[in-house]
Structure formats: structure tokens, C-alpha cells
Amino acid sequence: MSWRTTLTLLLLVGAIATGWSVWNHRDRDGIGPGSSGRSDYVLHDFELVALDEAGKESFTLRAPRMARNPGDRTLSLATPLFLLPDGERHYWQVRANTGWIAADGNELRLRGNVRIASPAQDPDKILMKTAQLNVYPDRDVAATPAVVTITQPGSILRGRGLETNLVSKRYELKSEVHTRYVP
């Protein structure tokens, strides 16, 4: 056997081993049932205004990146800022590290360092912090099972589980509630 044949066989074995290794270590994240793993479209640095069935503003969204999953038609977001109108057309600001929007737009899921701030015109400045939040714009409700800290002038509330109505500005902490009054 000549040195060329030996070298060719070694290169062939190396190519097969490399191909097998790449195939077994490829990135499988983001690929789920009903999904090709590739987005229909991707938006960068955008503002979106979503309307309800009556043509009234449901929410406004600003984010540096949004991708649409073609399988279930949901949207995934990077560092979103949601502006949710209240009854007087003032806006609650909701920020998070990541977000997800249902295909029909009736559910928003926010994850990672979620911050909710009351409208600037509100005399009782409210700031809520949590790790996750689900928002239902058609019902003007936001909820989470996680720990929530609510800061407002004169008090700090902390509890597990939250449900709030964005129109009535009422919120309910479900358990492990602690309060601290600050002069």
C-alpha cells in the first residue's frame, strides 16, 4: 500500500469522525413540535401597537428583537417594554428580560427581572418587581405565582403570588405577605 492510499484512508476516517461529531453535538435549542426551528420573520428595534376586537389599543410593545414561530404563530421577545393603557388612557410600563405573546394576543408571558411601574400621572407611584408575570390585556389582569415586591410612597409589600386589575388599580397578594411602613 502506498503512502498516498494510507493518507487518503486516514483523511476519509477523519472526515467521517468529524461529521459524526458535528451531527451529535449540533444545537437543538428552539426546535419543538410543529416548528421548523426557524422564524417566519424577525423584527429589530421596533414598536408595535396591538388593537382589540373593538379597535381600541390593547397594548404597545417596544423591543430590540422579536421573532415569530411559524408552527404555533407565537412571538418571542428580547428585553421587551410593554405599555398597557389603563382606564384613563395612561400607560403602565412593564419591562422584562424576555417575553412571549400568544398567537391571538390575549396572553403575554414575561420572564426575568420583571418590573411594573404605574403611569407617570398616578399620584401613588407604584413599582412592582417579580421574576415572572402573565398579563391578560383583554381582561386588564396581570398575575404571577412568584414572589412580588410592591413599593409605593410610605410602604413596601412583599408576598408570594399576585393578581392585579390594571383598570381598578387593585392588587391581591396570595400568601406569605409582609409589609413595612416607611416614613
N, C-alpha and C. Protein backbone atom coordinates (compact mmCIF):
# COMPACT_ATOMS: atom_id res chain seq x y z
N MET A 1 0.85 -1.15 0.00
CA MET A 1 0.00 0.00 0.00
C MET A 1 0.91 1.24 0.00
N SER A 2 0.60 2.18 -0.88
CA SER A 2 1.44 3.38 -1.00
C SER A 2 1.08 4.39 0.09
N TRP A 3 1.95 5.36 0.26
CA TRP A 3 1.70 6.39 1.28
C TRP A 3 0.50 7.24 0.92
N ARG A 4 0.19 7.40 -0.37
CA ARG A 4 -0.97 8.17 -0.80
C ARG A 4 -2.29 7.47 -0.41
N THR A 5 -2.33 6.18 -0.57
CA THR A 5 -3.52 5.42 -0.21
C THR A 5 -3.73 5.49 1.31
N THR A 6 -2.67 5.35 2.07
CA THR A 6 -2.76 5.42 3.53
C THR A 6 -3.24 6.80 3.97
N LEU A 7 -2.68 7.85 3.38
CA LEU A 7 -3.08 9.21 3.71
C LEU A 7 -4.54 9.45 3.34
N THR A 8 -4.98 8.97 2.18
CA THR A 8 -6.38 9.12 1.75
C THR A 8 -7.32 8.42 2.72
N LEU A 9 -7.00 7.21 3.15
CA LEU A 9 -7.83 6.48 4.10
C LEU A 9 -7.90 7.19 5.45
N LEU A 10 -6.77 7.73 5.92
CA LEU A 10 -6.76 8.47 7.19
C LEU A 10 -7.62 9.74 7.09
N LEU A 11 -7.51 10.45 5.99
CA LEU A 11 -8.34 11.65 5.79
C LEU A 11 -9.83 11.30 5.72
N LEU A 12 -10.16 10.19 5.06
CA LEU A 12 -11.55 9.75 4.96
C LEU A 12 -12.10 9.40 6.34
N VAL A 13 -11.34 8.68 7.15
CA VAL A 13 -11.75 8.33 8.51
C VAL A 13 -11.91 9.59 9.36
N GLY A 14 -10.99 10.54 9.21
CA GLY A 14 -11.08 11.82 9.93
C GLY A 14 -12.32 12.61 9.54
N ALA A 15 -12.65 12.64 8.26
CA ALA A 15 -13.83 13.36 7.79
C ALA A 15 -15.12 12.72 8.32
N ILE A 16 -15.18 11.40 8.32
CA ILE A 16 -16.35 10.69 8.84
C ILE A 16 -16.50 10.96 10.34
N ALA A 17 -15.40 10.89 11.09
CA ALA A 17 -15.45 11.13 12.54
C ALA A 17 -15.88 12.57 12.83
N THR A 18 -15.37 13.52 12.06
CA THR A 18 -15.76 14.93 12.25
C THR A 18 -17.23 15.13 11.95
N GLY A 19 -17.72 14.57 10.86
CA GLY A 19 -19.15 14.68 10.51
C GLY A 19 -20.04 14.08 11.58
N TRP A 20 -19.67 12.92 12.08
CA TRP A 20 -20.45 12.27 13.14
C TRP A 20 -20.46 13.14 14.40
N SER A 21 -19.31 13.71 14.76
CA SER A 21 -19.21 14.56 15.95
C SER A 21 -20.08 15.81 15.81
N VAL A 22 -20.02 16.46 14.66
CA VAL A 22 -20.84 17.66 14.43
C VAL A 22 -22.32 17.31 14.50
N TRP A 23 -22.70 16.20 13.91
CA TRP A 23 -24.11 15.78 13.91
C TRP A 23 -24.62 15.54 15.33
N ASN A 24 -23.82 14.91 16.18
CA ASN A 24 -24.24 14.60 17.54
C ASN A 24 -24.17 15.79 18.49
N HIS A 25 -23.43 16.81 18.17
CA HIS A 25 -23.28 17.97 19.06
C HIS A 25 -23.92 19.24 18.50
N ARG A 26 -24.79 19.11 17.52
CA ARG A 26 -25.43 20.29 16.96
C ARG A 26 -26.40 20.89 17.96
N ASP A 27 -26.69 22.19 17.82
CA ASP A 27 -27.57 22.92 18.73
C ASP A 27 -29.02 22.60 18.39
N ARG A 28 -29.72 22.04 19.37
CA ARG A 28 -31.12 21.67 19.16
C ARG A 28 -32.08 22.61 19.86
N ASP A 29 -31.61 23.70 20.50
CA ASP A 29 -32.47 24.64 21.22
C ASP A 29 -33.42 25.33 20.26
N GLY A 30 -34.64 25.57 20.76
CA GLY A 30 -35.61 26.32 19.98
C GLY A 30 -36.41 25.48 19.01
N ILE A 31 -36.07 24.19 18.88
CA ILE A 31 -36.81 23.35 17.95
C ILE A 31 -37.80 22.51 18.75
N GLY A 32 -39.07 22.71 18.50
CA GLY A 32 -40.10 21.97 19.21
C GLY A 32 -41.08 21.37 18.24
N PRO A 33 -42.10 20.68 18.75
CA PRO A 33 -43.08 20.09 17.86
C PRO A 33 -43.83 21.16 17.09
N GLY A 34 -44.04 20.94 15.82
CA GLY A 34 -44.77 21.90 14.99
C GLY A 34 -43.92 23.09 14.59
N SER A 35 -42.61 23.01 14.81
CA SER A 35 -41.74 24.13 14.49
C SER A 35 -40.58 23.65 13.64
N SER A 36 -40.22 24.43 12.66
CA SER A 36 -39.06 24.08 11.84
C SER A 36 -37.79 24.55 12.50
N GLY A 37 -37.91 25.30 13.65
CA GLY A 37 -36.74 25.82 14.32
C GLY A 37 -36.29 27.15 13.73
N ARG A 38 -37.01 27.63 12.75
CA ARG A 38 -36.66 28.87 12.08
C ARG A 38 -37.86 29.80 12.13
N SER A 39 -37.61 31.08 12.36
CA SER A 39 -38.69 32.06 12.48
C SER A 39 -39.27 32.42 11.12
N ASP A 40 -40.57 32.74 11.12
CA ASP A 40 -41.22 33.30 9.93
C ASP A 40 -40.56 34.61 9.57
N TYR A 41 -40.45 35.45 10.60
CA TYR A 41 -39.81 36.74 10.43
C TYR A 41 -39.22 37.21 11.74
N VAL A 42 -38.29 38.12 11.65
CA VAL A 42 -37.63 38.71 12.81
C VAL A 42 -37.66 40.22 12.65
N LEU A 43 -38.06 40.92 13.71
CA LEU A 43 -38.06 42.38 13.71
C LEU A 43 -36.97 42.87 14.66
N HIS A 44 -36.32 43.94 14.27
CA HIS A 44 -35.29 44.55 15.11
C HIS A 44 -35.68 45.99 15.39
N ASP A 45 -35.50 46.44 16.65
CA ASP A 45 -35.75 47.82 17.06
C ASP A 45 -37.08 48.33 16.50
N PHE A 46 -38.17 47.84 17.06
CA PHE A 46 -39.49 48.13 16.53
C PHE A 46 -40.45 48.64 17.61
N GLU A 47 -41.60 49.15 17.17
CA GLU A 47 -42.71 49.50 18.05
C GLU A 47 -43.97 48.93 17.41
N LEU A 48 -44.75 48.22 18.20
CA LEU A 48 -45.96 47.57 17.71
C LEU A 48 -47.13 48.02 18.58
N VAL A 49 -48.24 48.40 17.96
CA VAL A 49 -49.45 48.76 18.69
C VAL A 49 -50.49 47.69 18.36
N ALA A 50 -50.92 46.94 19.39
CA ALA A 50 -51.92 45.88 19.21
C ALA A 50 -53.30 46.42 19.57
N LEU A 51 -54.28 46.09 18.73
CA LEU A 51 -55.65 46.53 18.94
C LEU A 51 -56.53 45.35 19.31
N ASP A 52 -57.57 45.60 20.12
CA ASP A 52 -58.51 44.55 20.46
C ASP A 52 -59.57 44.44 19.36
N GLU A 53 -60.59 43.61 19.59
CA GLU A 53 -61.63 43.39 18.59
C GLU A 53 -62.40 44.66 18.26
N ALA A 54 -62.50 45.58 19.22
CA ALA A 54 -63.23 46.83 19.01
C ALA A 54 -62.37 47.91 18.37
N GLY A 55 -61.11 47.62 18.10
CA GLY A 55 -60.22 48.59 17.50
C GLY A 55 -59.57 49.53 18.50
N LYS A 56 -59.73 49.21 19.79
CA LYS A 56 -59.14 50.00 20.86
C LYS A 56 -57.75 49.45 21.17
N GLU A 57 -56.82 50.32 21.57
CA GLU A 57 -55.45 49.88 21.86
C GLU A 57 -55.45 48.89 23.02
N SER A 58 -54.86 47.74 22.78
CA SER A 58 -54.74 46.71 23.81
C SER A 58 -53.41 46.87 24.54
N PHE A 59 -52.32 47.05 23.79
CA PHE A 59 -51.01 47.32 24.36
C PHE A 59 -50.08 47.85 23.27
N THR A 60 -49.02 48.50 23.69
CA THR A 60 -47.95 48.92 22.80
C THR A 60 -46.70 48.19 23.24
N LEU A 61 -45.92 47.75 22.28
CA LEU A 61 -44.72 46.98 22.57
C LEU A 61 -43.53 47.61 21.87
N ARG A 62 -42.44 47.77 22.62
CA ARG A 62 -41.16 48.20 22.05
C ARG A 62 -40.11 47.18 22.48
N ALA A 63 -39.26 46.77 21.54
CA ALA A 63 -38.21 45.80 21.88
C ALA A 63 -37.12 45.83 20.81
N PRO A 64 -35.93 45.38 21.18
CA PRO A 64 -34.86 45.33 20.19
C PRO A 64 -34.97 44.13 19.23
N ARG A 65 -35.75 43.08 19.64
CA ARG A 65 -35.86 41.90 18.77
C ARG A 65 -37.15 41.14 19.05
N MET A 66 -37.82 40.71 17.97
CA MET A 66 -39.00 39.86 18.08
C MET A 66 -38.93 38.84 16.94
N ALA A 67 -39.23 37.58 17.26
CA ALA A 67 -39.25 36.52 16.26
C ALA A 67 -40.58 35.78 16.35
N ARG A 68 -41.13 35.41 15.19
CA ARG A 68 -42.42 34.69 15.14
C ARG A 68 -42.17 33.23 14.82
N ASN A 69 -42.76 32.34 15.64
CA ASN A 69 -42.67 30.90 15.44
C ASN A 69 -43.75 30.51 14.42
N PRO A 70 -43.37 29.92 13.28
CA PRO A 70 -44.37 29.58 12.26
C PRO A 70 -45.30 28.44 12.66
N GLY A 71 -44.86 27.58 13.57
CA GLY A 71 -45.68 26.43 13.96
C GLY A 71 -46.93 26.82 14.72
N ASP A 72 -46.76 27.61 15.79
CA ASP A 72 -47.92 28.00 16.61
C ASP A 72 -48.24 29.49 16.53
N ARG A 73 -47.49 30.23 15.71
CA ARG A 73 -47.72 31.65 15.44
C ARG A 73 -47.55 32.53 16.68
N THR A 74 -46.74 32.07 17.64
CA THR A 74 -46.44 32.87 18.83
C THR A 74 -45.23 33.75 18.55
N LEU A 75 -45.04 34.75 19.40
CA LEU A 75 -43.93 35.68 19.25
C LEU A 75 -43.02 35.59 20.46
N SER A 76 -41.71 35.58 20.24
CA SER A 76 -40.75 35.63 21.35
C SER A 76 -40.01 36.95 21.27
N LEU A 77 -39.72 37.53 22.45
CA LEU A 77 -39.18 38.87 22.53
C LEU A 77 -37.91 38.92 23.38
N ALA A 78 -37.04 39.85 23.04
CA ALA A 78 -35.85 40.12 23.85
C ALA A 78 -36.03 41.50 24.49
N THR A 79 -35.84 41.58 25.79
CA THR A 79 -35.95 42.80 26.61
C THR A 79 -37.12 43.70 26.19
N PRO A 80 -38.34 43.18 26.30
CA PRO A 80 -39.50 43.97 25.87
C PRO A 80 -39.88 45.07 26.86
N LEU A 81 -40.50 46.11 26.34
CA LEU A 81 -41.16 47.15 27.13
C LEU A 81 -42.60 47.20 26.63
N PHE A 82 -43.53 46.83 27.52
CA PHE A 82 -44.95 46.90 27.20
C PHE A 82 -45.53 48.15 27.83
N LEU A 83 -46.35 48.85 27.08
CA LEU A 83 -47.10 49.99 27.59
C LEU A 83 -48.57 49.57 27.58
N LEU A 84 -49.15 49.40 28.78
CA LEU A 84 -50.52 48.91 28.92
C LEU A 84 -51.42 50.07 29.35
N PRO A 85 -52.39 50.45 28.52
CA PRO A 85 -53.25 51.57 28.89
C PRO A 85 -54.21 51.20 30.02
N ASP A 86 -54.43 52.17 30.92
CA ASP A 86 -55.43 51.96 31.97
C ASP A 86 -56.73 52.63 31.54
N GLY A 87 -57.68 52.75 32.43
CA GLY A 87 -58.98 53.33 32.11
C GLY A 87 -58.92 54.77 31.62
N GLU A 88 -57.94 55.56 32.10
CA GLU A 88 -57.81 56.96 31.70
C GLU A 88 -56.83 57.15 30.55
N ARG A 89 -56.46 56.08 29.87
CA ARG A 89 -55.52 56.11 28.75
C ARG A 89 -54.12 56.57 29.17
N HIS A 90 -53.76 56.29 30.41
CA HIS A 90 -52.39 56.46 30.88
C HIS A 90 -51.76 55.08 30.82
N TYR A 91 -50.44 55.01 30.78
CA TYR A 91 -49.78 53.75 30.49
C TYR A 91 -48.97 53.20 31.65
N TRP A 92 -49.24 51.94 31.99
CA TRP A 92 -48.38 51.18 32.88
C TRP A 92 -47.20 50.72 32.05
N GLN A 93 -45.98 50.78 32.60
CA GLN A 93 -44.80 50.31 31.90
C GLN A 93 -44.39 48.96 32.50
N VAL A 94 -44.25 47.98 31.64
CA VAL A 94 -43.88 46.63 32.07
C VAL A 94 -42.64 46.22 31.28
N ARG A 95 -41.55 45.93 32.01
CA ARG A 95 -40.28 45.54 31.40
C ARG A 95 -39.88 44.14 31.88
N ALA A 96 -39.12 43.43 31.04
CA ALA A 96 -38.64 42.10 31.41
C ALA A 96 -37.43 41.74 30.55
N ASN A 97 -36.73 40.68 30.94
CA ASN A 97 -35.60 40.20 30.14
C ASN A 97 -36.07 39.51 28.87
N THR A 98 -37.14 38.70 28.98
CA THR A 98 -37.69 38.02 27.81
C THR A 98 -39.21 38.09 27.86
N GLY A 99 -39.83 37.87 26.71
CA GLY A 99 -41.28 37.88 26.64
C GLY A 99 -41.79 36.89 25.60
N TRP A 100 -43.06 36.57 25.71
CA TRP A 100 -43.73 35.66 24.80
C TRP A 100 -45.16 36.15 24.62
N ILE A 101 -45.66 36.17 23.41
CA ILE A 101 -47.02 36.62 23.13
C ILE A 101 -47.77 35.49 22.43
N ALA A 102 -48.96 35.16 22.94
CA ALA A 102 -49.80 34.12 22.33
C ALA A 102 -50.22 34.56 20.93
N ALA A 103 -50.57 33.59 20.10
CA ALA A 103 -50.94 33.87 18.71
C ALA A 103 -52.12 34.83 18.61
N ASP A 104 -53.08 34.73 19.54
CA ASP A 104 -54.25 35.62 19.48
C ASP A 104 -54.02 36.94 20.22
N GLY A 105 -52.86 37.11 20.85
CA GLY A 105 -52.54 38.36 21.54
C GLY A 105 -53.22 38.53 22.88
N ASN A 106 -53.89 37.50 23.38
CA ASN A 106 -54.63 37.60 24.64
C ASN A 106 -53.82 37.20 25.86
N GLU A 107 -52.55 36.80 25.67
CA GLU A 107 -51.71 36.46 26.82
C GLU A 107 -50.27 36.88 26.54
N LEU A 108 -49.66 37.52 27.52
CA LEU A 108 -48.26 37.91 27.46
C LEU A 108 -47.56 37.23 28.62
N ARG A 109 -46.44 36.58 28.37
CA ARG A 109 -45.65 35.96 29.44
C ARG A 109 -44.31 36.66 29.50
N LEU A 110 -44.01 37.21 30.65
CA LEU A 110 -42.76 37.93 30.86
C LEU A 110 -41.92 37.18 31.87
N ARG A 111 -40.63 37.05 31.59
CA ARG A 111 -39.74 36.28 32.46
C ARG A 111 -38.45 37.05 32.68
N GLY A 112 -37.92 36.97 33.91
CA GLY A 112 -36.62 37.54 34.22
C GLY A 112 -36.66 39.03 34.52
N ASN A 113 -36.45 39.39 35.80
CA ASN A 113 -36.36 40.79 36.22
C ASN A 113 -37.53 41.63 35.72
N VAL A 114 -38.74 41.17 36.01
CA VAL A 114 -39.94 41.88 35.57
C VAL A 114 -40.19 43.08 36.48
N ARG A 115 -40.40 44.25 35.88
CA ARG A 115 -40.67 45.49 36.62
C ARG A 115 -41.92 46.14 36.04
N ILE A 116 -42.86 46.46 36.92
CA ILE A 116 -44.11 47.11 36.52
C ILE A 116 -44.18 48.45 37.22
N ALA A 117 -44.31 49.52 36.45
CA ALA A 117 -44.39 50.87 37.02
C ALA A 117 -45.72 51.50 36.64
N SER A 118 -46.36 52.13 37.63
CA SER A 118 -47.64 52.79 37.38
C SER A 118 -47.44 53.98 36.45
N PRO A 119 -48.53 54.48 35.87
CA PRO A 119 -48.41 55.64 34.98
C PRO A 119 -47.78 56.84 35.68
N ALA A 120 -47.05 57.64 34.94
CA ALA A 120 -46.37 58.81 35.49
C ALA A 120 -47.36 59.79 36.12
N GLN A 121 -48.60 59.83 35.61
CA GLN A 121 -49.61 60.75 36.13
C GLN A 121 -50.22 60.28 37.44
N ASP A 122 -49.98 59.04 37.82
CA ASP A 122 -50.56 58.47 39.03
C ASP A 122 -49.90 59.07 40.27
N PRO A 123 -50.67 59.68 41.20
CA PRO A 123 -50.06 60.26 42.40
C PRO A 123 -49.44 59.21 43.33
N ASP A 124 -49.98 58.00 43.34
CA ASP A 124 -49.42 56.90 44.14
C ASP A 124 -48.48 56.10 43.24
N LYS A 125 -47.23 56.51 43.17
CA LYS A 125 -46.25 55.82 42.33
C LYS A 125 -46.07 54.40 42.84
N ILE A 126 -46.37 53.44 42.00
CA ILE A 126 -46.26 52.03 42.37
C ILE A 126 -45.20 51.38 41.51
N LEU A 127 -44.31 50.62 42.13
CA LEU A 127 -43.31 49.83 41.41
C LEU A 127 -43.40 48.40 41.92
N MET A 128 -43.64 47.46 41.01
CA MET A 128 -43.71 46.04 41.35
C MET A 128 -42.54 45.34 40.70
N LYS A 129 -41.91 44.41 41.46
CA LYS A 129 -40.80 43.62 40.94
C LYS A 129 -41.08 42.15 41.19
N THR A 130 -40.82 41.33 40.18
CA THR A 130 -41.01 39.89 40.30
C THR A 130 -40.16 39.18 39.25
N ALA A 131 -40.10 37.86 39.31
CA ALA A 131 -39.31 37.08 38.36
C ALA A 131 -40.11 36.72 37.12
N GLN A 132 -41.43 36.67 37.23
CA GLN A 132 -42.27 36.30 36.09
C GLN A 132 -43.63 36.95 36.24
N LEU A 133 -44.28 37.17 35.09
CA LEU A 133 -45.61 37.79 35.11
C LEU A 133 -46.37 37.37 33.87
N ASN A 134 -47.63 37.02 34.04
CA ASN A 134 -48.53 36.73 32.92
C ASN A 134 -49.55 37.86 32.86
N VAL A 135 -49.69 38.47 31.69
CA VAL A 135 -50.61 39.59 31.51
C VAL A 135 -51.68 39.17 30.51
N TYR A 136 -52.95 39.49 30.86
CA TYR A 136 -54.08 39.19 30.00
C TYR A 136 -54.73 40.53 29.63
N PRO A 137 -54.29 41.16 28.51
CA PRO A 137 -54.74 42.51 28.17
C PRO A 137 -56.24 42.63 27.94
N ASP A 138 -56.88 41.60 27.40
CA ASP A 138 -58.32 41.69 27.14
C ASP A 138 -59.13 41.76 28.43
N ARG A 139 -58.58 41.24 29.54
CA ARG A 139 -59.26 41.29 30.85
C ARG A 139 -58.65 42.33 31.78
N ASP A 140 -57.58 43.02 31.34
CA ASP A 140 -56.86 44.01 32.15
C ASP A 140 -56.37 43.40 33.45
N VAL A 141 -55.85 42.18 33.38
CA VAL A 141 -55.38 41.45 34.56
C VAL A 141 -53.93 41.03 34.35
N ALA A 142 -53.15 41.10 35.43
CA ALA A 142 -51.78 40.57 35.45
C ALA A 142 -51.67 39.67 36.68
N ALA A 143 -50.94 38.55 36.53
CA ALA A 143 -50.83 37.59 37.64
C ALA A 143 -49.49 36.89 37.60
N THR A 144 -49.05 36.43 38.80
CA THR A 144 -47.84 35.64 38.92
C THR A 144 -47.91 34.78 40.17
N PRO A 145 -47.33 33.57 40.12
CA PRO A 145 -47.22 32.76 41.34
C PRO A 145 -45.93 33.05 42.10
N ALA A 146 -45.04 33.86 41.55
CA ALA A 146 -43.72 34.12 42.13
C ALA A 146 -43.78 35.17 43.24
N VAL A 147 -42.64 35.38 43.90
CA VAL A 147 -42.51 36.41 44.93
C VAL A 147 -42.57 37.79 44.26
N VAL A 148 -43.32 38.70 44.89
CA VAL A 148 -43.51 40.05 44.35
C VAL A 148 -43.18 41.07 45.44
N THR A 149 -42.48 42.14 45.05
CA THR A 149 -42.23 43.26 45.94
C THR A 149 -42.92 44.48 45.35
N ILE A 150 -43.77 45.11 46.15
CA ILE A 150 -44.52 46.29 45.71
C ILE A 150 -44.08 47.47 46.56
N THR A 151 -43.53 48.47 45.90
CA THR A 151 -43.06 49.67 46.58
C THR A 151 -43.95 50.83 46.16
N GLN A 152 -44.43 51.56 47.15
CA GLN A 152 -45.21 52.77 46.90
C GLN A 152 -44.91 53.76 48.03
N PRO A 153 -45.25 55.03 47.86
CA PRO A 153 -44.91 56.00 48.90
C PRO A 153 -45.42 55.55 50.28
N GLY A 154 -44.49 55.38 51.21
CA GLY A 154 -44.85 55.05 52.58
C GLY A 154 -44.88 53.58 52.92
N SER A 155 -44.77 52.68 51.93
CA SER A 155 -44.84 51.26 52.29
C SER A 155 -44.13 50.38 51.27
N ILE A 156 -43.71 49.21 51.76
CA ILE A 156 -43.14 48.17 50.92
C ILE A 156 -43.86 46.88 51.28
N LEU A 157 -44.49 46.26 50.29
CA LEU A 157 -45.19 44.98 50.47
C LEU A 157 -44.40 43.90 49.76
N ARG A 158 -44.37 42.72 50.39
CA ARG A 158 -43.72 41.57 49.77
C ARG A 158 -44.59 40.36 50.02
N GLY A 159 -44.80 39.57 48.99
CA GLY A 159 -45.62 38.37 49.13
C GLY A 159 -45.42 37.43 47.97
N ARG A 160 -46.02 36.25 48.09
CA ARG A 160 -45.95 35.26 47.03
C ARG A 160 -47.30 35.18 46.34
N GLY A 161 -47.27 35.30 45.02
CA GLY A 161 -48.49 35.26 44.23
C GLY A 161 -49.15 36.62 44.17
N LEU A 162 -49.54 37.02 42.97
CA LEU A 162 -50.15 38.33 42.77
C LEU A 162 -51.20 38.23 41.69
N GLU A 163 -52.28 38.94 41.91
CA GLU A 163 -53.26 39.17 40.84
C GLU A 163 -53.65 40.63 40.94
N THR A 164 -53.57 41.33 39.83
CA THR A 164 -53.89 42.75 39.82
C THR A 164 -54.78 43.10 38.65
N ASN A 165 -55.69 44.04 38.89
CA ASN A 165 -56.54 44.58 37.84
C ASN A 165 -55.96 45.94 37.46
N LEU A 166 -55.56 46.09 36.20
CA LEU A 166 -54.89 47.31 35.77
C LEU A 166 -55.84 48.49 35.66
N VAL A 167 -57.14 48.25 35.49
CA VAL A 167 -58.10 49.35 35.39
C VAL A 167 -58.46 49.88 36.77
N SER A 168 -58.81 48.98 37.69
CA SER A 168 -59.21 49.41 39.03
C SER A 168 -58.01 49.72 39.92
N LYS A 169 -56.80 49.32 39.48
CA LYS A 169 -55.56 49.53 40.24
C LYS A 169 -55.58 48.81 41.58
N ARG A 170 -56.28 47.70 41.63
CA ARG A 170 -56.33 46.88 42.85
C ARG A 170 -55.48 45.64 42.63
N TYR A 171 -54.77 45.25 43.67
CA TYR A 171 -53.96 44.05 43.58
C TYR A 171 -54.15 43.22 44.83
N GLU A 172 -53.92 41.92 44.66
CA GLU A 172 -54.08 40.97 45.75
C GLU A 172 -52.84 40.09 45.82
N LEU A 173 -52.20 40.07 46.99
CA LEU A 173 -51.09 39.16 47.23
C LEU A 173 -51.68 37.89 47.85
N LYS A 174 -51.27 36.73 47.36
CA LYS A 174 -51.91 35.47 47.73
C LYS A 174 -51.42 34.87 49.05
N SER A 175 -50.11 34.93 49.36
CA SER A 175 -49.60 34.31 50.58
C SER A 175 -48.26 34.92 50.99
N GLU A 176 -47.80 34.55 52.20
CA GLU A 176 -46.52 34.99 52.74
C GLU A 176 -46.35 36.50 52.65
N VAL A 177 -47.37 37.23 53.02
CA VAL A 177 -47.38 38.69 52.87
C VAL A 177 -46.68 39.35 54.06
N HIS A 178 -45.76 40.24 53.77
CA HIS A 178 -45.06 41.05 54.76
C HIS A 178 -45.13 42.48 54.31
N THR A 179 -45.33 43.38 55.27
CA THR A 179 -45.38 44.80 54.92
C THR A 179 -44.45 45.58 55.84
N ARG A 180 -43.93 46.67 55.30
CA ARG A 180 -43.06 47.54 56.06
C ARG A 180 -43.46 48.98 55.71
N TYR A 181 -43.77 49.74 56.76
CA TYR A 181 -44.13 51.15 56.55
C TYR A 181 -42.88 52.01 56.68
N VAL A 182 -42.69 52.86 55.70
CA VAL A 182 -41.53 53.73 55.66
C VAL A 182 -42.02 55.17 55.78
N PRO A 183 -41.51 55.93 56.78
CA PRO A 183 -42.00 57.29 56.94
C PRO A 183 -41.58 58.18 55.78
